[in-house]
Amino acid sequence: METIDAPARASRGGRGARERILRTAVELFARDGIHATGIAKLTHEAHVSTRTFYQHFPSKESLVSAYVERVGVEPHSLESVLDRDDLAPRERLLRLFDERPASPAHPPVLRGCPLHNTAVEAAGNMPEAAALVEQHKRGFAARLIKAAAEAGAPDPDVLGRQLALLFEGCRALSTSLNDPQPIHDARKLAATLIDQATT
């Protein structure tokens, strides 16, 4: 009787299957979009069977919800700079508007905020995922308000909301134009807002 060794079992399913599916979703949803990424493509790229997929995620929406939770806490996300205790509050706020450098030979297509993109795709047909995005965005605004207070703003609610609007708007416009210039412009405006609010 043929036996399958542990590595082969892991490649077809096994304990790592859920994480592999989720990692694949993070890559494909951000690159191609949620609706454009079907279950067949996901399972093929994650090297799992459709049956294994549904053992871990009873529906595509449940996977999208897990995706929202994952990308909202990934340590390399732009928002993670707000958690750095080696930077002054003002610098943490400004670093939100940094754009990662790209190779001139391979300029990227700007994808924008994966949570915003999810909210657009989920509107009306994935209420759980949409609610998770809203929860995250409200939490992000609260973190901005906290950092604004630490930076010395006498009315941190106003500054925090302004920076949230600026952050979301510049990312959306950069995505629409496929041009990082709105992010660079937003950083200058953010510095002006912070300085005006804290002096």
Protein backbone atom coordinates (compact mmCIF):
# COMPACT_ATOMS: atom_id res chain seq x y z
CA MET A 1 0.00 0.00 0.00
CA GLU A 2 1.32 3.45 -0.95
CA THR A 3 2.20 5.72 1.93
CA ILE A 4 2.44 9.51 1.89
CA ASP A 5 5.20 11.08 3.93
CA ALA A 6 4.62 14.08 6.18
CA PRO A 7 5.90 16.76 3.77
CA ALA A 8 3.67 15.44 1.00
CA ARG A 9 0.67 15.42 3.33
CA ALA A 10 1.44 19.01 4.36
CA SER A 11 1.56 20.09 0.71
CA ARG A 12 -1.94 18.70 0.11
CA GLY A 13 -3.57 19.73 3.36
CA GLY A 14 -2.58 19.01 6.91
CA ARG A 15 -2.19 21.41 9.79
CA GLY A 16 -0.68 24.16 7.68
CA ALA A 17 -3.54 24.22 5.19
CA ARG A 18 -5.56 27.00 6.86
CA GLU A 19 -2.55 29.29 7.12
CA ARG A 20 -1.56 28.53 3.53
CA ILE A 21 -5.05 29.38 2.30
CA LEU A 22 -5.04 32.62 4.28
CA ARG A 23 -1.57 33.65 3.07
CA THR A 24 -2.64 32.96 -0.49
CA ALA A 25 -5.79 35.03 -0.01
CA VAL A 26 -3.74 37.94 1.34
CA GLU A 27 -1.63 37.89 -1.81
CA LEU A 28 -4.37 37.28 -4.38
CA PHE A 29 -7.07 39.53 -2.91
CA ALA A 30 -4.65 42.46 -2.67
CA ARG A 31 -3.27 41.88 -6.16
CA ASP A 32 -6.30 40.77 -8.17
CA GLY A 33 -9.32 41.69 -6.06
CA ILE A 34 -11.76 39.60 -4.06
CA HIS A 35 -14.42 38.98 -6.71
CA ALA A 36 -11.82 38.23 -9.38
CA THR A 37 -10.27 35.54 -7.18
CA GLY A 38 -12.38 32.41 -7.28
CA ILE A 39 -12.23 29.38 -5.02
CA ALA A 40 -10.62 27.30 -7.78
CA LYS A 41 -7.76 29.77 -8.14
CA LEU A 42 -7.32 30.04 -4.37
CA THR A 43 -7.18 26.29 -3.83
CA HIS A 44 -4.81 25.82 -6.76
CA GLU A 45 -2.40 28.50 -5.53
CA ALA A 46 -2.61 27.29 -1.92
CA HIS A 47 -2.12 23.64 -2.95
CA VAL A 48 -5.24 22.40 -1.18
CA SER A 49 -8.36 20.62 -2.32
CA THR A 50 -11.75 22.31 -2.43
CA ARG A 51 -12.86 19.96 0.34
CA THR A 52 -9.94 21.08 2.53
CA PHE A 53 -10.78 24.71 1.81
CA TYR A 54 -14.36 24.29 3.03
CA GLN A 55 -13.19 22.40 6.11
CA HIS A 56 -11.38 25.56 7.20
CA PHE A 57 -13.64 28.22 5.70
CA PRO A 58 -17.34 27.39 5.30
CA SER A 59 -17.79 30.17 2.73
CA LYS A 60 -15.77 32.66 0.75
CA GLU A 61 -17.10 35.43 2.99
CA SER A 62 -15.66 33.69 6.04
CA LEU A 63 -12.28 33.71 4.28
CA VAL A 64 -12.68 37.40 3.41
CA SER A 65 -13.43 38.15 7.06
CA ALA A 66 -10.30 36.28 8.13
CA TYR A 67 -8.37 38.19 5.47
CA VAL A 68 -9.59 41.53 6.86
CA GLU A 69 -8.53 40.52 10.36
CA ARG A 70 -5.10 39.41 9.10
CA VAL A 71 -4.21 42.46 7.01
CA GLY A 72 -5.45 44.75 9.78
CA VAL A 73 -2.76 43.54 12.18
CA GLU A 74 0.15 42.67 9.91
CA PRO A 75 3.35 44.17 11.37
CA HIS A 76 4.56 45.52 8.02
CA SER A 77 1.39 47.54 7.38
CA LEU A 78 1.73 51.32 7.26
CA GLU A 79 -0.46 51.68 10.33
CA SER A 80 1.97 49.67 12.45
CA VAL A 81 4.17 52.75 12.75
CA LEU A 82 1.69 54.07 15.32
CA ASP A 83 2.84 51.29 17.68
CA ARG A 84 6.52 52.22 17.58
CA ASP A 85 7.78 53.51 20.91
CA ASP A 86 11.15 54.51 19.45
CA LEU A 87 9.58 57.46 17.60
CA ALA A 88 8.11 60.67 18.96
CA PRO A 89 4.33 61.00 18.47
CA ARG A 90 4.71 63.65 15.74
CA GLU A 91 7.11 61.42 13.81
CA ARG A 92 4.79 58.42 14.14
CA LEU A 93 1.97 60.45 12.62
CA LEU A 94 4.13 61.69 9.77
CA ARG A 95 5.56 58.26 8.99
CA LEU A 96 2.04 57.15 8.03
CA PHE A 97 2.52 59.17 4.88
CA ASP A 98 5.79 57.57 3.84
CA GLU A 99 5.72 55.71 0.56
CA ARG A 100 7.90 52.66 0.27
CA PRO A 101 10.49 53.01 -2.51
CA ALA A 102 10.02 50.90 -5.61
CA SER A 103 12.51 49.60 -8.12
CA PRO A 104 12.68 51.95 -11.16
CA ALA A 105 12.95 48.92 -13.41
CA HIS A 106 9.72 47.44 -12.05
CA PRO A 107 7.36 50.22 -10.99
CA PRO A 108 4.47 48.71 -9.07
CA VAL A 109 0.78 49.12 -9.66
CA LEU A 110 -0.42 50.96 -6.57
CA ARG A 111 -3.09 48.86 -4.89
CA GLY A 112 -4.10 51.24 -2.12
CA CYS A 113 -5.48 50.20 1.23
CA PRO A 114 -6.56 46.53 1.20
CA LEU A 115 -9.24 47.24 3.79
CA HIS A 116 -10.71 50.10 1.78
CA ASN A 117 -10.67 47.91 -1.32
CA THR A 118 -12.44 45.18 0.64
CA ALA A 119 -15.13 47.63 1.81
CA VAL A 120 -15.81 48.60 -1.81
CA GLU A 121 -16.05 45.00 -2.95
CA ALA A 122 -17.98 43.82 0.11
CA ALA A 123 -20.61 46.57 0.05
CA GLY A 124 -24.05 45.02 0.04
CA ASN A 125 -23.03 41.38 -0.21
CA MET A 126 -20.51 40.64 2.56
CA PRO A 127 -21.89 42.31 5.69
CA GLU A 128 -19.56 40.57 8.13
CA ALA A 129 -16.44 41.61 6.23
CA ALA A 130 -17.78 45.16 5.77
CA ALA A 131 -18.47 45.42 9.50
CA LEU A 132 -14.92 44.27 10.30
CA VAL A 133 -13.48 46.90 7.97
CA GLU A 134 -15.59 49.59 9.65
CA GLN A 135 -14.47 48.39 13.07
CA HIS A 136 -10.83 48.54 12.00
CA LYS A 137 -11.14 52.01 10.47
CA ARG A 138 -12.81 53.37 13.61
CA GLY A 139 -10.05 51.81 15.68
CA PHE A 140 -7.43 53.38 13.41
CA ALA A 141 -9.01 56.81 13.88
CA ALA A 142 -8.95 56.27 17.65
CA ARG A 143 -5.24 55.44 17.49
CA LEU A 144 -4.62 58.63 15.51
CA ILE A 145 -6.50 60.65 18.12
CA LYS A 146 -4.40 59.05 20.86
CA ALA A 147 -1.16 59.88 19.01
CA ALA A 148 -2.41 63.42 18.40
CA ALA A 149 -2.97 63.83 22.15
CA GLU A 150 0.53 62.51 22.83
CA ALA A 151 1.89 65.02 20.31
CA GLY A 152 0.36 67.82 22.38
CA ALA A 153 -2.74 68.73 20.37
CA PRO A 154 -5.23 70.50 22.67
CA ASP A 155 -8.09 69.08 20.57
CA PRO A 156 -6.77 65.66 19.50
CA ASP A 157 -10.16 64.51 18.21
CA VAL A 158 -10.11 67.13 15.45
CA LEU A 159 -6.49 66.50 14.47
CA GLY A 160 -6.96 62.73 14.56
CA ARG A 161 -10.02 62.90 12.30
CA GLN A 162 -8.25 65.27 9.89
CA LEU A 163 -5.27 62.95 9.61
CA ALA A 164 -7.52 59.93 9.09
CA LEU A 165 -9.27 61.75 6.25
CA LEU A 166 -5.94 62.81 4.76
CA PHE A 167 -4.49 59.31 5.03
CA GLU A 168 -7.47 57.58 3.44
CA GLY A 169 -7.87 60.22 0.74
CA CYS A 170 -4.27 60.32 -0.42
CA ARG A 171 -4.08 56.54 -0.62
CA ALA A 172 -7.29 56.36 -2.66
CA LEU A 173 -6.14 59.08 -5.06
CA SER A 174 -2.71 57.51 -5.47
CA THR A 175 -4.43 54.25 -6.37
CA SER A 176 -6.71 55.94 -8.91
CA LEU A 177 -3.78 57.75 -10.53
CA ASN A 178 -1.24 54.95 -9.98
CA ASP A 179 1.04 57.71 -8.77
CA PRO A 180 2.56 58.18 -5.29
CA GLN A 181 2.58 61.98 -5.60
CA PRO A 182 -0.66 62.46 -3.61
CA ILE A 183 1.00 60.62 -0.70
CA HIS A 184 4.00 62.95 -0.85
CA ASP A 185 1.69 65.97 -0.97
CA ALA A 186 -0.32 64.60 1.95
CA ARG A 187 2.80 64.27 4.10
CA LYS A 188 3.51 67.98 3.72
CA LEU A 189 -0.09 68.83 4.54
CA ALA A 190 -0.01 66.47 7.54
CA ALA A 191 3.06 68.27 8.88
CA THR A 192 1.24 71.61 8.52
CA LEU A 193 -1.86 70.28 10.30
CA ILE A 194 0.19 68.81 13.15
CA ASP A 195 2.24 71.96 13.60
CA GLN A 196 -0.81 74.20 13.56
CA ALA A 197 -2.59 71.98 16.08
CA THR A 198 0.33 71.67 18.49
CA THR A 199 1.83 75.19 18.56
